């Protein structure tokens, strides 16, 4: 099944940010050691050219429909690097978790994922989820940040202070209110039902039936396969 160039682009940006932030974090921790040792501390933020080098290293060519579209996204990505770098330069965050894996129990299943980034603040974590698309007009059915809040609290044992989507094309932070215990419980129930529906659909081959009932019509590559 053919992939999407949006996935390739998103994977590129996430990998670049991950490696650059880990280098920044390493420098920041070394700086703390220098301060305690009374050695003049260097700026922990690596040079912007390193970010550009990582971009070239991790650029994925897969699935772009043509050279023009590839060049368009390459230019968009370059702008995102600048936005990202200037934000780090201004805020000097304490990035505690970077692309951190989590595994949670959801009924009899393991629910796994990664948190893009979580900065340590005095009153808890500020969770940031990178978005490489433009700011949407409305939210989806499942609030991804609530999943990350649940993971940070239950798997990492951390207190969460802020939840933010960072729409990089618009350089816009969209802050979400923290989920209550009831909202987290509701989220778990909804996710469990989705998982069970997927398993039931696969087990009893209900793809065609569900496709015909769906109000969101789309072309299905597997509908007519025997």
Protein backbone atom coordinates (compact mmCIF):
# COMPACT_ATOMS: atom_id res chain seq x y z
CA UNK A 1 0.00 0.00 0.00
CA UNK A 2 1.43 3.37 -1.06
CA UNK A 3 2.45 5.75 1.72
CA UNK A 4 1.94 9.50 1.95
CA UNK A 5 4.46 12.28 1.44
CA UNK A 6 2.88 13.95 4.50
CA UNK A 7 4.14 10.98 6.55
CA UNK A 8 7.62 11.25 5.03
CA UNK A 9 7.77 14.97 5.76
CA UNK A 10 6.47 14.56 9.31
CA UNK A 11 8.98 11.78 10.03
CA UNK A 12 11.82 13.96 8.74
CA UNK A 13 10.93 16.95 10.92
CA UNK A 14 10.37 14.84 14.05
CA UNK A 15 13.72 13.04 13.64
CA UNK A 16 15.63 16.28 13.07
CA UNK A 17 14.05 17.95 16.11
CA UNK A 18 14.69 14.85 18.22
CA UNK A 19 18.42 14.67 17.47
CA UNK A 20 18.95 18.41 17.80
CA UNK A 21 17.08 18.59 21.11
CA UNK A 22 19.04 15.65 22.51
CA UNK A 23 22.27 17.45 21.63
CA UNK A 24 20.94 20.63 23.24
CA UNK A 25 19.92 18.69 26.35
CA UNK A 26 23.37 17.08 26.60
CA UNK A 27 25.03 20.51 26.34
CA UNK A 28 22.63 21.94 28.91
CA UNK A 29 23.40 19.19 31.42
CA UNK A 30 27.14 19.64 30.85
CA UNK A 31 26.67 23.37 31.41
CA UNK A 32 25.09 22.69 34.81
CA UNK A 33 28.15 20.62 35.76
CA UNK A 34 30.42 23.45 34.62
CA UNK A 35 28.51 25.94 36.73
CA UNK A 36 28.88 23.80 39.85
CA UNK A 37 32.57 23.42 39.04
CA UNK A 38 32.86 27.20 38.55
CA UNK A 39 34.08 26.80 34.98
CA UNK A 40 32.75 29.40 32.49
CA UNK A 41 29.66 27.86 30.90
CA UNK A 42 29.05 27.80 27.15
CA UNK A 43 25.75 28.44 25.44
CA UNK A 44 24.05 25.00 25.34
CA UNK A 45 22.22 25.75 22.08
CA UNK A 46 24.14 24.21 19.15
CA UNK A 47 24.75 26.29 16.04
CA UNK A 48 21.89 26.51 13.54
CA UNK A 49 24.06 24.90 10.83
CA UNK A 50 23.89 21.63 12.79
CA UNK A 51 20.11 21.74 12.48
CA UNK A 52 20.48 22.22 8.72
CA UNK A 53 22.95 19.31 8.49
CA UNK A 54 20.51 17.05 10.35
CA UNK A 55 17.77 18.12 7.94
CA UNK A 56 19.83 16.99 4.95
CA UNK A 57 20.83 13.78 6.73
CA UNK A 58 17.28 12.73 7.63
CA UNK A 59 15.37 14.04 4.62
CA UNK A 60 13.07 11.30 3.27
CA UNK A 61 12.34 11.32 -0.47
CA UNK A 62 9.55 8.74 -0.25
CA UNK A 63 6.05 9.19 -1.69
CA UNK A 64 6.26 12.75 -3.03
CA UNK A 65 4.08 12.89 -6.17
CA UNK A 66 6.54 15.02 -8.18
CA UNK A 67 9.71 17.11 -7.97
CA UNK A 68 7.73 20.35 -7.58
CA UNK A 69 5.88 19.08 -4.52
CA UNK A 70 9.10 17.75 -3.03
CA UNK A 71 10.82 21.13 -3.51
CA UNK A 72 7.80 22.89 -1.98
CA UNK A 73 7.95 20.78 1.19
CA UNK A 74 11.74 21.06 1.39
CA UNK A 75 11.30 24.85 1.49
CA UNK A 76 8.51 24.61 4.11
CA UNK A 77 10.77 22.41 6.24
CA UNK A 78 13.64 24.89 6.03
CA UNK A 79 11.33 27.60 7.36
CA UNK A 80 10.28 25.28 10.21
CA UNK A 81 13.93 24.81 11.18
CA UNK A 82 14.26 28.58 11.57
CA UNK A 83 11.05 28.80 13.63
CA UNK A 84 12.20 25.93 15.85
CA UNK A 85 15.69 27.37 16.37
CA UNK A 86 14.49 30.88 17.21
CA UNK A 87 11.99 29.44 19.71
CA UNK A 88 14.72 27.45 21.47
CA UNK A 89 17.00 30.47 21.45
CA UNK A 90 14.35 32.66 23.08
CA UNK A 91 12.95 30.18 25.61
CA UNK A 92 15.99 28.01 26.52
CA UNK A 93 13.66 25.19 27.68
CA UNK A 94 14.54 22.35 30.04
CA UNK A 95 13.53 19.52 27.69
CA UNK A 96 13.21 16.56 30.07
CA UNK A 97 11.55 14.06 27.71
CA UNK A 98 12.28 13.86 23.96
CA UNK A 99 10.41 11.33 21.78
CA UNK A 100 9.85 9.29 24.92
CA UNK A 101 8.22 5.85 24.61
CA UNK A 102 5.29 4.85 26.79
CA UNK A 103 3.26 1.66 27.30
CA UNK A 104 -0.11 1.69 29.06
CA UNK A 105 -2.63 -1.01 29.93
CA UNK A 106 -5.97 -0.63 28.21
CA UNK A 107 -8.19 -3.57 29.16
CA UNK A 108 -6.27 -6.69 28.08
CA UNK A 109 -4.19 -4.70 25.56
CA UNK A 110 -0.92 -2.75 25.59
CA UNK A 111 -1.37 0.81 24.30
CA UNK A 112 1.97 2.27 23.16
CA UNK A 113 3.24 5.52 21.73
CA UNK A 114 5.74 8.36 22.03
CA UNK A 115 5.56 11.83 23.53
CA UNK A 116 7.23 14.32 21.17
CA UNK A 117 8.55 16.56 23.92
CA UNK A 118 7.95 17.52 27.54
CA UNK A 119 9.69 20.49 29.15
CA UNK A 120 10.21 20.63 32.90
CA UNK A 121 8.63 23.67 34.59
CA UNK A 122 8.48 24.51 38.28
CA UNK A 123 4.87 23.31 38.54
CA UNK A 124 5.11 20.24 36.29
CA UNK A 125 5.61 19.20 32.67
CA UNK A 126 4.71 21.25 29.63
CA UNK A 127 3.85 18.66 26.96
CA UNK A 128 4.36 19.78 23.35
CA UNK A 129 3.13 17.89 20.30
CA UNK A 130 4.62 19.00 16.97
CA UNK A 131 2.27 19.41 14.01
CA UNK A 132 3.75 19.88 10.55
CA UNK A 133 0.41 20.78 8.96
CA UNK A 134 -1.45 24.07 9.23
CA UNK A 135 -3.63 24.93 12.22
CA UNK A 136 -6.97 23.07 11.80
CA UNK A 137 -10.33 24.79 12.07
CA UNK A 138 -11.65 22.11 14.43
CA UNK A 139 -10.27 19.34 16.65
CA UNK A 140 -10.43 15.64 15.86
CA UNK A 141 -12.45 13.01 17.71
CA UNK A 142 -9.57 11.97 19.99
CA UNK A 143 -7.50 14.64 21.71
CA UNK A 144 -3.94 13.36 21.34
CA UNK A 145 -2.68 15.60 24.13
CA UNK A 146 -5.01 13.87 26.58
CA UNK A 147 -3.34 10.58 25.67
CA UNK A 148 0.04 12.15 26.44
CA UNK A 149 -1.23 13.56 29.73
CA UNK A 150 -2.47 10.10 30.70
CA UNK A 151 0.91 8.59 29.70
CA UNK A 152 2.94 11.21 31.57
CA UNK A 153 0.91 10.73 34.74
CA UNK A 154 0.57 6.96 34.71
CA UNK A 155 3.68 5.69 32.91
CA UNK A 156 6.22 8.41 33.75
CA UNK A 157 4.76 9.30 37.15
CA UNK A 158 4.90 13.02 36.37
CA UNK A 159 2.66 15.98 37.15
CA UNK A 160 1.42 17.78 34.03
CA UNK A 161 1.05 21.57 33.99
CA UNK A 162 0.48 22.41 30.31
CA UNK A 163 -0.68 20.76 27.08
CA UNK A 164 0.27 22.37 23.76
CA UNK A 165 0.05 21.66 20.05
CA UNK A 166 2.75 23.50 18.08
CA UNK A 167 1.62 24.09 14.49
CA UNK A 168 4.97 24.76 12.89
CA UNK A 169 3.79 26.11 9.52
CA UNK A 170 1.93 28.92 11.27
CA UNK A 171 4.28 29.02 14.30
CA UNK A 172 1.17 28.82 16.45
CA UNK A 173 0.86 27.25 19.90
CA UNK A 174 -2.62 25.91 20.65
CA UNK A 175 -2.98 25.33 24.39
CA UNK A 176 -5.44 22.75 25.69
CA UNK A 177 -6.97 22.59 29.15
CA UNK A 178 -5.76 19.67 31.26
CA UNK A 179 -8.04 16.65 31.22
CA UNK A 180 -9.91 15.78 34.41
CA UNK A 181 -9.86 12.25 35.82
CA UNK A 182 -13.33 11.74 34.35
CA UNK A 183 -12.18 12.89 30.90
CA UNK A 184 -9.18 10.54 31.02
CA UNK A 185 -11.52 7.69 32.02
CA UNK A 186 -13.85 8.54 29.12
CA UNK A 187 -10.87 8.63 26.75
CA UNK A 188 -9.79 5.15 27.86
CA UNK A 189 -13.31 3.78 27.28
CA UNK A 190 -13.46 5.30 23.78
CA UNK A 191 -10.03 3.98 22.81
CA UNK A 192 -10.87 0.50 24.13
CA UNK A 193 -14.07 0.44 22.05
CA UNK A 194 -12.14 1.49 18.93
CA UNK A 195 -9.56 -1.28 19.48
CA UNK A 196 -12.29 -3.90 20.01
CA UNK A 197 -14.13 -2.73 16.90
CA UNK A 198 -10.94 -3.03 14.83
CA UNK A 199 -10.29 -6.55 16.15
CA UNK A 200 -13.91 -7.56 15.50
CA UNK A 201 -13.76 -6.14 11.95
CA UNK A 202 -10.59 -8.09 11.15
CA UNK A 203 -11.75 -11.31 12.82
CA UNK A 204 -15.13 -11.42 11.04
CA UNK A 205 -14.10 -9.61 7.82
CA UNK A 206 -16.55 -6.71 8.16
CA UNK A 207 -14.62 -4.20 6.04
CA UNK A 208 -17.11 -4.08 3.15
CA UNK A 209 -20.09 -3.89 5.51
CA UNK A 210 -18.63 -0.97 7.47
CA UNK A 211 -17.52 0.78 4.27
CA UNK A 212 -21.08 0.68 2.92
CA UNK A 213 -22.50 2.05 6.19
CA UNK A 214 -19.93 4.83 6.50
CA UNK A 215 -21.06 8.41 5.90
CA UNK A 216 -17.46 9.34 4.98
CA UNK A 217 -17.15 7.80 1.53
CA UNK A 218 -13.70 7.19 0.06
CA UNK A 219 -11.99 4.87 -2.38
CA UNK A 220 -10.88 1.64 -0.70
CA UNK A 221 -7.98 -0.24 -2.28
CA UNK A 222 -9.09 -3.55 -0.73
CA UNK A 223 -12.87 -3.42 -1.22
CA UNK A 224 -13.00 -5.70 -4.28
CA UNK A 225 -10.19 -8.09 -3.37
CA UNK A 226 -11.10 -11.75 -2.95
